[in-house]
C-alpha atoms as a PDB file:
ATOM      1  CA  MET A   1     196.924  76.132  43.720  1.00  0.00           C
ATOM      2  CA  VAL A   2     199.104  77.386  46.578  1.00  0.00           C
ATOM      3  CA  LYS A   3     200.960  74.528  48.257  1.00  0.00           C
ATOM      4  CA  PHE A   4     200.233  73.383  51.821  1.00  0.00           C
ATOM      5  CA  SER A   5     203.613  74.599  53.074  1.00  0.00           C
ATOM      6  CA  ARG A   6     202.976  78.058  51.624  1.00  0.00           C
ATOM      7  CA  ARG A   7     199.374  78.348  52.829  1.00  0.00           C
ATOM      8  CA  TYR A   8     200.228  77.608  56.454  1.00  0.00           C
ATOM      9  CA  GLY A   9     203.645  79.285  56.615  1.00  0.00           C
ATOM     10  CA  PHE A  10     205.710  76.135  57.198  1.00  0.00           C
ATOM     11  CA  ASP A  11     208.237  76.881  54.450  1.00  0.00           C
ATOM     12  CA  PRO A  12     210.937  78.986  56.174  1.00  0.00           C
ATOM     13  CA  ARG A  13     212.156  80.350  52.848  1.00  0.00           C
ATOM     14  CA  ILE A  14     208.938  82.263  52.236  1.00  0.00           C
ATOM     15  CA  SER A  15     208.950  85.626  53.994  1.00  0.00           C
ATOM     16  CA  SER A  16     205.842  87.000  55.632  1.00  0.00           C
ATOM     17  CA  GLU A  17     206.685  90.252  53.856  1.00  0.00           C
ATOM     18  CA  VAL A  18     206.161  90.737  50.139  1.00  0.00           C
ATOM     19  CA  LEU A  19     209.541  90.668  48.363  1.00  0.00           C
ATOM     20  CA  LEU A  20     210.415  93.500  45.986  1.00  0.00           C
ATOM     21  CA  GLU A  21     214.174  94.012  45.947  1.00  0.00           C
ATOM     22  CA  ASP A  22     215.227  90.387  45.937  1.00  0.00           C
ATOM     23  CA  ALA A  23     215.028  87.286  43.755  1.00  0.00           C
ATOM     24  CA  PRO A  24     215.901  84.300  45.987  1.00  0.00           C
ATOM     25  CA  GLU A  25     217.598  81.256  44.487  1.00  0.00           C
ATOM     26  CA  TRP A  26     214.554  79.047  45.041  1.00  0.00           C
ATOM     27  CA  LEU A  27     212.459  81.465  42.977  1.00  0.00           C
ATOM     28  CA  ARG A  28     214.996  81.387  40.149  1.00  0.00           C
ATOM     29  CA  VAL A  29     215.196  77.601  40.221  1.00  0.00           C
ATOM     30  CA  ALA A  30     211.404  77.347  40.037  1.00  0.00           C
ATOM     31  CA  TYR A  31     211.389  79.778  37.103  1.00  0.00           C
ATOM     32  CA  ILE A  32     214.153  77.896  35.269  1.00  0.00           C
ATOM     33  CA  ASN A  33     212.640  74.442  35.746  1.00  0.00           C
ATOM     34  CA  GLY A  34     208.958  75.309  35.589  1.00  0.00           C
ATOM     35  CA  ILE A  35     208.840  78.019  32.913  1.00  0.00           C
ATOM     36  CA  LEU A  36     212.079  78.670  31.039  1.00  0.00           C
ATOM     37  CA  SER A  37     212.983  75.067  30.205  1.00  0.00           C
ATOM     38  CA  ASP A  38     209.732  74.522  28.324  1.00  0.00           C
ATOM     39  CA  LEU A  39     210.325  77.587  26.126  1.00  0.00           C
ATOM     40  CA  THR A  40     213.871  76.822  24.941  1.00  0.00           C
ATOM     41  CA  TYR A  41     215.660  74.579  22.473  1.00  0.00           C
ATOM     42  CA  VAL A  42     219.292  74.087  21.354  1.00  0.00           C
ATOM     43  CA  ASP A  43     219.799  76.465  18.444  1.00  0.00           C
ATOM     44  CA  ARG A  44     222.601  76.698  15.825  1.00  0.00           C
ATOM     45  CA  ASP A  45     223.061  72.937  15.702  1.00  0.00           C
ATOM     46  CA  THR A  46     221.650  70.772  12.907  1.00  0.00           C
ATOM     47  CA  ARG A  47     221.673  67.737  15.194  1.00  0.00           C
ATOM     48  CA  TYR A  48     218.838  69.267  17.180  1.00  0.00           C
ATOM     49  CA  SER A  49     215.442  70.086  15.807  1.00  0.00           C
ATOM     50  CA  ASN A  50     213.512  73.136  16.943  1.00  0.00           C
ATOM     51  CA  SER A  51     212.015  71.041  19.752  1.00  0.00           C
ATOM     52  CA  GLU A  52     208.275  71.131  19.108  1.00  0.00           C
ATOM     53  CA  ARG A  53     208.924  74.564  17.555  1.00  0.00           C
ATOM     54  CA  ARG A  54     209.769  76.097  20.896  1.00  0.00           C
ATOM     55  CA  PRO A  55     210.292  79.837  20.605  1.00  0.00           C
ATOM     56  CA  LEU A  56     213.662  80.610  22.243  1.00  0.00           C
ATOM     57  CA  GLY A  57     217.109  79.385  21.253  1.00  0.00           C
ATOM     58  CA  ILE A  58     219.296  78.820  24.310  1.00  0.00           C
ATOM     59  CA  LYS A  59     222.501  80.232  22.807  1.00  0.00           C
ATOM     60  CA  GLN A  60     220.822  83.345  21.477  1.00  0.00           C
ATOM     61  CA  LEU A  61     219.042  83.894  24.772  1.00  0.00           C
ATOM     62  CA  TYR A  62     222.331  83.522  26.643  1.00  0.00           C
ATOM     63  CA  GLU A  63     223.907  86.161  24.384  1.00  0.00           C
ATOM     64  CA  ASP A  64     220.934  88.470  24.890  1.00  0.00           C
ATOM     65  CA  PHE A  65     221.160  88.073  28.645  1.00  0.00           C
ATOM     66  CA  CYS A  66     224.890  88.856  28.651  1.00  0.00           C
ATOM     67  CA  VAL A  67     224.109  92.060  26.742  1.00  0.00           C
ATOM     68  CA  ILE A  68     221.425  92.938  29.300  1.00  0.00           C
ATOM     69  CA  LEU A  69     223.873  92.328  32.161  1.00  0.00           C
ATOM     70  CA  ARG A  70     226.713  94.103  30.328  1.00  0.00           C
ATOM     71  CA  GLN A  71     229.116  91.211  30.718  1.00  0.00           C
ATOM     72  CA  GLU A  72     231.245  88.961  28.530  1.00  0.00           C
ATOM     73  CA  THR A  73     230.081  85.559  27.325  1.00  0.00           C
ATOM     74  CA  GLU A  74     231.883  82.442  28.547  1.00  0.00           C
ATOM     75  CA  GLU A  75     234.274  80.753  26.119  1.00  0.00           C
ATOM     76  CA  ASN A  76     232.368  77.525  25.471  1.00  0.00           C
ATOM     77  CA  TYR A  77     228.758  78.728  25.645  1.00  0.00           C
ATOM     78  CA  LEU A  78     228.247  77.647  22.010  1.00  0.00           C
ATOM     79  CA  ASP A  79     228.853  74.008  22.971  1.00  0.00           C
ATOM     80  CA  SER A  80     225.431  72.422  22.512  1.00  0.00           C
ATOM     81  CA  TRP A  81     225.982  70.093  25.466  1.00  0.00           C
ATOM     82  CA  ALA A  82     226.877  72.965  27.799  1.00  0.00           C
ATOM     83  CA  CYS A  83     224.754  75.892  26.586  1.00  0.00           C
ATOM     84  CA  TRP A  84     221.812  75.158  28.918  1.00  0.00           C
ATOM     85  CA  ASP A  85     224.144  74.930  31.905  1.00  0.00           C
ATOM     86  CA  HIS A  86     225.644  78.321  31.011  1.00  0.00           C
ATOM     87  CA  LEU A  87     222.248  79.952  30.715  1.00  0.00           C
ATOM     88  CA  SER A  88     220.803  78.474  33.911  1.00  0.00           C
ATOM     89  CA  TRP A  89     223.974  79.283  35.873  1.00  0.00           C
ATOM     90  CA  LEU A  90     223.766  82.897  34.717  1.00  0.00           C
ATOM     91  CA  VAL A  91     220.103  83.147  35.724  1.00  0.00           C
ATOM     92  CA  LYS A  92     220.936  81.815  39.191  1.00  0.00           C
ATOM     93  CA  GLN A  93     224.055  83.955  39.726  1.00  0.00           C
ATOM     94  CA  CYS A  94     223.073  87.371  38.361  1.00  0.00           C
ATOM     95  CA  LYS A  95     222.011  90.304  40.539  1.00  0.00           C
ATOM     96  CA  TRP A  96     218.388  90.158  41.642  1.00  0.00           C
ATOM     97  CA  TYR A  97     217.341  92.974  39.300  1.00  0.00           C
ATOM     98  CA  GLY A  98     219.044  91.236  36.378  1.00  0.00           C
ATOM     99  CA  PHE A  99     216.741  88.270  36.913  1.00  0.00           C
ATOM    100  CA  TYR A 100     213.687  90.496  36.575  1.00  0.00           C
ATOM    101  CA  ASP A 101     215.217  92.097  33.472  1.00  0.00           C
ATOM    102  CA  LEU A 102     215.328  88.609  31.939  1.00  0.00           C
ATOM    103  CA  VAL A 103     211.716  87.874  32.897  1.00  0.00           C
ATOM    104  CA  GLU A 104     210.631  90.997  31.009  1.00  0.00           C
ATOM    105  CA  HIS A 105     212.943  90.321  28.061  1.00  0.00           C
ATOM    106  CA  ILE A 106     211.607  86.819  27.527  1.00  0.00           C
ATOM    107  CA  GLY A 107     208.043  88.107  27.575  1.00  0.00           C
ATOM    108  CA  LYS A 108     208.852  90.647  24.862  1.00  0.00           C
ATOM    109  CA  LYS A 109     210.548  87.964  22.763  1.00  0.00           C
ATOM    110  CA  LEU A 110     207.475  85.747  23.037  1.00  0.00           C
ATOM    111  CA  GLN A 111     205.299  88.635  21.875  1.00  0.00           C
ATOM    112  CA  GLU A 112     207.530  88.928  18.795  1.00  0.00           C
ATOM    113  CA  ARG A 113     207.364  85.176  18.103  1.00  0.00           C
ATOM    114  CA  GLU A 114     203.571  85.203  18.242  1.00  0.00           C
ATOM    115  CA  GLU A 115     203.481  87.033  14.922  1.00  0.00           C
ATOM    116  CA  ASP A 116     204.758  83.869  13.229  1.00  0.00           C
ATOM    117  CA  HIS A 117     202.072  81.685  14.867  1.00  0.00           C
ATOM    118  CA  ILE A 118     199.098  84.007  14.820  1.00  0.00           C
ATOM    119  CA  PHE A 119     196.610  81.351  13.691  1.00  0.00           C
ATOM    120  CA  GLU A 120     198.033  78.465  15.726  1.00  0.00           C
ATOM    121  CA  ASP A 121     195.975  78.171  18.895  1.00  0.00           C
ATOM    122  CA  ASP A 122     197.859  75.167  20.264  1.00  0.00           C
ATOM    123  CA  TRP A 123     201.192  76.977  19.928  1.00  0.00           C
ATOM    124  CA  GLU A 124     199.867  80.098  21.663  1.00  0.00           C
ATOM    125  CA  ARG A 125     198.344  78.103  24.504  1.00  0.00           C
ATOM    126  CA  ARG A 126     201.710  76.544  25.241  1.00  0.00           C
ATOM    127  CA  PHE A 127     204.271  79.140  24.171  1.00  0.00           C
ATOM    128  CA  GLY A 128     202.374  82.417  23.764  1.00  0.00           C
ATOM    129  CA  PHE A 129     202.956  85.509  25.856  1.00  0.00           C
ATOM    130  CA  GLN A 130     199.698  85.294  27.811  1.00  0.00           C
ATOM    131  CA  ALA A 131     200.483  81.715  28.859  1.00  0.00           C
ATOM    132  CA  TYR A 132     203.939  82.881  29.958  1.00  0.00           C
ATOM    133  CA  ARG A 133     202.522  85.877  31.802  1.00  0.00           C
ATOM    134  CA  ARG A 134     200.032  83.701  33.668  1.00  0.00           C
ATOM    135  CA  LYS A 135     202.734  81.233  34.772  1.00  0.00           C
ATOM    136  CA  VAL A 136     205.085  84.002  35.910  1.00  0.00           C
ATOM    137  CA  ASN A 137     202.390  85.793  37.892  1.00  0.00           C
ATOM    138  CA  GLU A 138     201.174  82.564  39.487  1.00  0.00           C
ATOM    139  CA  LEU A 139     204.734  81.707  40.547  1.00  0.00           C
ATOM    140  CA  PHE A 140     205.333  85.191  41.933  1.00  0.00           C
ATOM    141  CA  ALA A 141     202.022  85.173  43.806  1.00  0.00           C
ATOM    142  CA  GLU A 142     202.756  81.783  45.367  1.00  0.00           C
ATOM    143  CA  ASP A 143     206.235  82.839  46.488  1.00  0.00           C
ATOM    144  CA  ARG A 144     205.118  86.278  47.767  1.00  0.00           C
ATOM    145  CA  ILE A 145     206.989  88.261  45.153  1.00  0.00           C
ATOM    146  CA  GLY A 146     205.532  91.764  44.869  1.00  0.00           C
ATOM    147  CA  TRP A 147     205.914  92.118  41.076  1.00  0.00           C
ATOM    148  CA  ARG A 148     203.379  91.260  38.372  1.00  0.00           C
ATOM    149  CA  LEU A 149     203.963  91.106  34.629  1.00  0.00           C
ATOM    150  CA  ASN A 150     201.605  93.378  32.681  1.00  0.00           C
ATOM    151  CA  ASP A 151     200.404  93.199  29.063  1.00  0.00           C
ATOM    152  CA  ASN A 152     203.477  95.110  27.873  1.00  0.00           C
ATOM    153  CA  SER A 153     205.802  92.547  29.507  1.00  0.00           C
ATOM    154  CA  GLU A 154     206.826  95.076  32.143  1.00  0.00           C
ATOM    155  CA  LEU A 155     206.933  94.215  35.831  1.00  0.00           C
ATOM    156  CA  GLU A 156     204.803  96.397  38.076  1.00  0.00           C
ATOM    157  CA  ARG A 157     204.178  96.289  41.786  1.00  0.00           C
ATOM    158  CA  GLU A 158     201.256  94.084  42.692  1.00  0.00           C
ATOM    159  CA  THR A 159     197.958  95.873  43.272  1.00  0.00           C
ATOM    160  CA  PRO A 160     194.864  94.047  44.571  1.00  0.00           C
ATOM    161  CA  GLU A 161     192.583  93.312  41.624  1.00  0.00           C
ATOM    162  CA  VAL A 162     189.649  95.317  42.924  1.00  0.00           C
ATOM    163  CA  LEU A 163     191.869  98.390  43.381  1.00  0.00           C
ATOM    164  CA  SER A 164     193.450  97.894  39.950  1.00  0.00           C
ATOM    165  CA  ARG A 165     190.022  97.987  38.339  1.00  0.00           C
ATOM    166  CA  ARG A 166     189.143 101.138  40.256  1.00  0.00           C
ATOM    167  CA  LEU A 167     192.389 102.886  39.332  1.00  0.00           C
ATOM    168  CA  GLU A 168     192.064 101.954  35.655  1.00  0.00           C
ATOM    169  CA  GLY A 169     188.402 102.956  35.590  1.00  0.00           C
ATOM    170  CA  LEU A 170     189.201 106.358  37.043  1.00  0.00           C
ATOM    171  CA  GLU A 171     191.872 107.018  34.434  1.00  0.00           C
ATOM    172  CA  LYS A 172     189.231 106.595  31.713  1.00  0.00           C
ATOM    173  CA  LYS A 173     187.133 109.321  33.340  1.00  0.00           C
ATOM    174  CA  LEU A 174     189.946 111.864  33.157  1.00  0.00           C
ATOM    175  CA  VAL A 175     189.311 113.088  29.613  1.00  0.00           C
ATOM    176  CA  ASP A 176     188.484 116.335  27.806  1.00  0.00           C
ATOM    177  CA  GLU A 177     189.036 119.263  30.210  1.00  0.00           C
ATOM    178  CA  PHE A 178     190.523 116.844  32.763  1.00  0.00           C
ATOM    179  CA  GLU A 179     193.238 115.576  30.411  1.00  0.00           C
ATOM    180  CA  PRO A 180     196.010 117.487  32.293  1.00  0.00           C
ATOM    181  CA  ALA A 181     194.860 115.825  35.528  1.00  0.00           C
ATOM    182  CA  ARG A 182     195.050 112.455  33.792  1.00  0.00           C
ATOM    183  CA  GLU A 183     198.751 112.940  33.004  1.00  0.00           C
ATOM    184  CA  HIS A 184     199.504 113.650  36.670  1.00  0.00           C
ATOM    185  CA  TYR A 185     197.382 110.656  37.702  1.00  0.00           C
ATOM    186  CA  LYS A 186     199.204 108.273  35.355  1.00  0.00           C
ATOM    187  CA  LYS A 187     202.552 109.462  36.703  1.00  0.00           C
ATOM    188  CA  ALA A 188     201.395 108.924  40.296  1.00  0.00           C
ATOM    189  CA  ILE A 189     200.595 105.285  39.508  1.00  0.00           C
ATOM    190  CA  ARG A 190     203.773 104.741  37.513  1.00  0.00           C
ATOM    191  CA  TYR A 191     206.023 106.100  40.274  1.00  0.00           C
ATOM    192  CA  LEU A 192     204.407 103.683  42.727  1.00  0.00           C
ATOM    193  CA  LYS A 193     204.213 100.552  40.572  1.00  0.00           C
ATOM    194  CA  GLN A 194     207.184 100.597  38.226  1.00  0.00           C
ATOM    195  CA  ARG A 195     210.888 100.712  38.919  1.00  0.00           C
ATOM    196  CA  PRO A 196     212.527 102.861  39.991  1.00  0.00           C
ATOM    197  CA  LEU A 197     209.961 103.268  42.756  1.00  0.00           C
ATOM    198  CA  ASP A 198     209.565 106.908  43.751  1.00  0.00           C
ATOM    199  CA  PRO A 199     207.001 107.350  46.563  1.00  0.00           C
ATOM    200  CA  GLU A 200     207.710 111.081  46.988  1.00  0.00           C
ATOM    201  CA  ASN A 201     206.935 111.842  43.354  1.00  0.00           C
ATOM    202  CA  SER A 202     203.881 109.598  43.460  1.00  0.00           C
ATOM    203  CA  ILE A 203     202.426 111.727  46.267  1.00  0.00           C
ATOM    204  CA  LYS A 204     203.356 114.937  44.444  1.00  0.00           C
ATOM    205  CA  GLU A 205     201.614 113.774  41.258  1.00  0.00           C
ATOM    206  CA  ILE A 206     198.383 112.592  42.904  1.00  0.00           C
ATOM    207  CA  ILE A 207     198.102 115.958  44.692  1.00  0.00           C
ATOM    208  CA  SER A 208     198.848 117.683  41.389  1.00  0.00           C
ATOM    209  CA  SER A 209     196.052 115.696  39.759  1.00  0.00           C
ATOM    210  CA  ILE A 210     193.592 116.854  42.438  1.00  0.00           C
ATOM    211  CA  GLU A 211     194.856 120.418  42.065  1.00  0.00           C
ATOM    212  CA  SER A 212     194.446 120.255  38.283  1.00  0.00           C
ATOM    213  CA  ILE A 213     190.827 119.097  38.591  1.00  0.00           C
ATOM    214  CA  CYS A 214     189.996 121.793  41.133  1.00  0.00           C
ATOM    215  CA  LYS A 215     191.627 124.531  39.039  1.00  0.00           C
ATOM    216  CA  THR A 216     189.594 123.315  36.050  1.00  0.00           C
ATOM    217  CA  ILE A 217     186.395 123.622  38.068  1.00  0.00           C
ATOM    218  CA  TRP A 218     187.419 126.972  39.642  1.00  0.00           C
ATOM    219  CA  SER A 219     189.310 128.450  36.718  1.00  0.00           C
ATOM    220  CA  ASN A 220     190.153 131.724  38.483  1.00  0.00           C
ATOM    221  CA  SER A 221     192.047 129.938  41.272  1.00  0.00           C
ATOM    222  CA  GLN A 222     195.843 129.901  41.263  1.00  0.00           C
ATOM    223  CA  THR A 223     196.474 127.147  43.821  1.00  0.00           C
ATOM    224  CA  LEU A 224     194.683 124.262  45.473  1.00  0.00           C
ATOM    225  CA  GLY A 225     194.511 126.443  48.573  1.00  0.00           C
ATOM    226  CA  ASP A 226     192.476 128.979  46.592  1.00  0.00           C
ATOM    227  CA  CYS A 227     190.177 126.186  45.424  1.00  0.00           C
ATOM    228  CA  VAL A 228     189.614 125.086  49.030  1.00  0.00           C
ATOM    229  CA  LYS A 229     188.482 128.635  49.874  1.00  0.00           C
ATOM    230  CA  GLU A 230     186.006 128.511  46.973  1.00  0.00           C
ATOM    231  CA  MET A 231     184.689 125.135  48.133  1.00  0.00           C
ATOM    232  CA  ARG A 232     183.996 126.548  51.597  1.00  0.00           C
ATOM    233  CA  LYS A 233     182.404 129.712  50.222  1.00  0.00           C
ATOM    234  CA  GLU A 234     180.086 127.822  47.866  1.00  0.00           C
ATOM    235  CA  LYS A 235     179.385 124.909  50.211  1.00  0.00           C
ATOM    236  CA  PHE A 236     180.477 122.675  47.363  1.00  0.00           C
ATOM    237  CA  LEU A 237     181.379 119.785  49.664  1.00  0.00           C
ATOM    238  CA  PRO A 238     180.737 118.981  53.333  1.00  0.00           C
ATOM    239  CA  ASP A 239     183.116 120.956  55.512  1.00  0.00           C
ATOM    240  CA  HIS A 240     184.905 117.932  56.931  1.00  0.00           C
ATOM    241  CA  ILE A 241     185.662 116.579  53.448  1.00  0.00           C
ATOM    242  CA  VAL A 242     187.000 119.973  52.407  1.00  0.00           C
ATOM    243  CA  THR A 243     189.211 119.781  55.507  1.00  0.00           C
ATOM    244  CA  ILE A 244     190.538 116.416  54.313  1.00  0.00           C
ATOM    245  CA  ILE A 245     191.570 117.978  50.988  1.00  0.00           C
ATOM    246  CA  GLU A 246     193.095 120.951  52.797  1.00  0.00           C
ATOM    247  CA  LYS A 247     195.094 118.758  55.202  1.00  0.00           C
ATOM    248  CA  PHE A 248     196.151 116.424  52.393  1.00  0.00           C
ATOM    249  CA  TYR A 249     197.518 119.407  50.479  1.00  0.00           C
ATOM    250  CA  ALA A 250     199.222 120.751  53.607  1.00  0.00           C
ATOM    251  CA  PHE A 251     200.869 117.365  54.220  1.00  0.00           C
ATOM    252  CA  SER A 252     202.312 117.242  50.708  1.00  0.00           C
ATOM    253  CA  CYS A 253     203.638 120.804  50.973  1.00  0.00           C
ATOM    254  CA  SER A 254     205.223 120.394  54.395  1.00  0.00           C
ATOM    255  CA  GLU A 255     206.656 116.883  54.027  1.00  0.00           C
ATOM    256  CA  PRO A 256     210.348 117.079  53.040  1.00  0.00           C
ATOM    257  CA  ALA A 257     211.192 116.254  49.397  1.00  0.00           C
ATOM    258  CA  VAL A 258     207.584 115.833  48.211  1.00  0.00           C
ATOM    259  CA  ARG A 259     206.497 119.141  46.651  1.00  0.00           C
ATOM    260  CA  HIS A 260     209.444 121.293  47.689  1.00  0.00           C
ATOM    261  CA  GLY A 261     213.161 120.907  48.160  1.00  0.00           C
ATOM    262  CA  SER A 262     214.344 120.285  51.696  1.00  0.00           C
ATOM    263  CA  ALA A 263     217.482 120.393  53.790  1.00  0.00           C
ATOM    264  CA  THR A 264     216.427 117.115  55.438  1.00  0.00           C
ATOM    265  CA  SER A 265     215.991 113.651  53.964  1.00  0.00           C
ATOM    266  CA  SER A 266     212.592 112.249  53.101  1.00  0.00           C
ATOM    267  CA  LYS A 267     211.018 109.722  55.451  1.00  0.00           C
ATOM    268  CA  ILE A 268     208.251 108.774  53.017  1.00  0.00           C
ATOM    269  CA  GLN A 269     207.804 105.042  52.519  1.00  0.00           C
ATOM    270  CA  ILE A 270     205.914 102.984  49.952  1.00  0.00           C
ATOM    271  CA  ASN A 271     202.930 102.418  52.256  1.00  0.00           C
ATOM    272  CA  ASP A 272     202.633 106.197  52.772  1.00  0.00           C
ATOM    273  CA  ALA A 273     202.496 106.719  49.019  1.00  0.00           C
ATOM    274  CA  GLU A 274     199.988 103.888  48.562  1.00  0.00           C
ATOM    275  CA  PHE A 275     197.662 105.453  51.115  1.00  0.00           C
ATOM    276  CA  CYS A 276     197.972 108.834  49.389  1.00  0.00           C
ATOM    277  CA  LEU A 277     197.302 107.325  45.965  1.00  0.00           C
ATOM    278  CA  TYR A 278     194.134 105.543  47.057  1.00  0.00           C
ATOM    279  CA  LEU A 279     192.920 108.548  49.051  1.00  0.00           C
ATOM    280  CA  GLY A 280     193.677 110.821  46.106  1.00  0.00           C
ATOM    281  CA  ALA A 281     191.880 108.517  43.661  1.00  0.00           C
ATOM    282  CA  ALA A 282     188.813 108.488  45.926  1.00  0.00           C
ATOM    283  CA  LEU A 283     188.823 112.291  46.156  1.00  0.00           C
ATOM    284  CA  ILE A 284     189.171 112.617  42.373  1.00  0.00           C
ATOM    285  CA  ARG A 285     186.199 110.315  41.781  1.00  0.00           C
ATOM    286  CA  TYR A 286     184.209 112.291  44.330  1.00  0.00           C
ATOM    287  CA  LEU A 287     185.091 115.684  42.842  1.00  0.00           C
ATOM    288  CA  ILE A 288     184.151 114.553  39.331  1.00  0.00           C
ATOM    289  CA  SER A 289     180.854 113.125  40.531  1.00  0.00           C
ATOM    290  CA  LYS A 290     180.019 116.409  42.320  1.00  0.00           C
ATOM    291  CA  ARG A 291     181.121 118.677  39.465  1.00  0.00           C
ATOM    292  CA  GLY A 292     178.460 121.134  38.406  1.00  0.00           C
ATOM    293  CA  ARG A 293     175.995 120.287  41.171  1.00  0.00           C
ATOM    294  CA  SER A 294     176.736 123.212  43.461  1.00  0.00           C
ATOM    295  CA  ILE A 295     179.006 125.496  41.464  1.00  0.00           C
ATOM    296  CA  LYS A 296     177.852 129.026  40.908  1.00  0.00           C
ATOM    297  CA  ASP A 297     177.732 130.194  37.279  1.00  0.00           C
END
């Protein structure tokens, strides 16, 4: 449940904007105390048991994190009394993107550990990957962090659930002769949701997906512009919708750094690419649903 101070905007630390390229200290502290501490135990020391068979040794995790960050370990990190302090300090002090690297890494490690506890429901409920994923995503949602951990333990940009279902459902429709369009469509989503974010390429790929579908339907056409001419000739779609496709294509061709090289810098932003993705997905669904209804043999 979202806290009172978050719901009504009284906590000055929580931005009104969704955070993507930042990992504030209060987020890291909440992750350390509320998630990480319950998953770890003091390893390589016979004086300590594997605390309730927790999955992650602190010293090993600290070493892994230093490898991820490409930095040296501290001299006394193997001291069992100090190892937790070393790990938590590193989590709090690393670059913001290093923190998210750790979040993904821990998820992948938990997926590996699950193989040793495959028939132990109690263990999975407490230490399994899905429990971890749920806690991470709940924390990020509460603190307005724009990343969500997926089933592969990779962080993606948050997408409203209803839109996620629509996007995933559409991908399943792009099969058989539309398989080339599916590859463009998957790239369009990936460029918008996964780092490094690339809004220009996302727009290029969603337009390419539309173009691929149209060239499959009108196999003699060389470009999307040719397909638009065929649509108008055959009255395949209402004229104003054909105009939307035509203008969408024109936008992608004329906007610097989207479909063609340019002597000027791109001004495309994430919200531009999001609009294009959702518009493109709607047009793809529409084209598939209309396929064969008005096409001349």
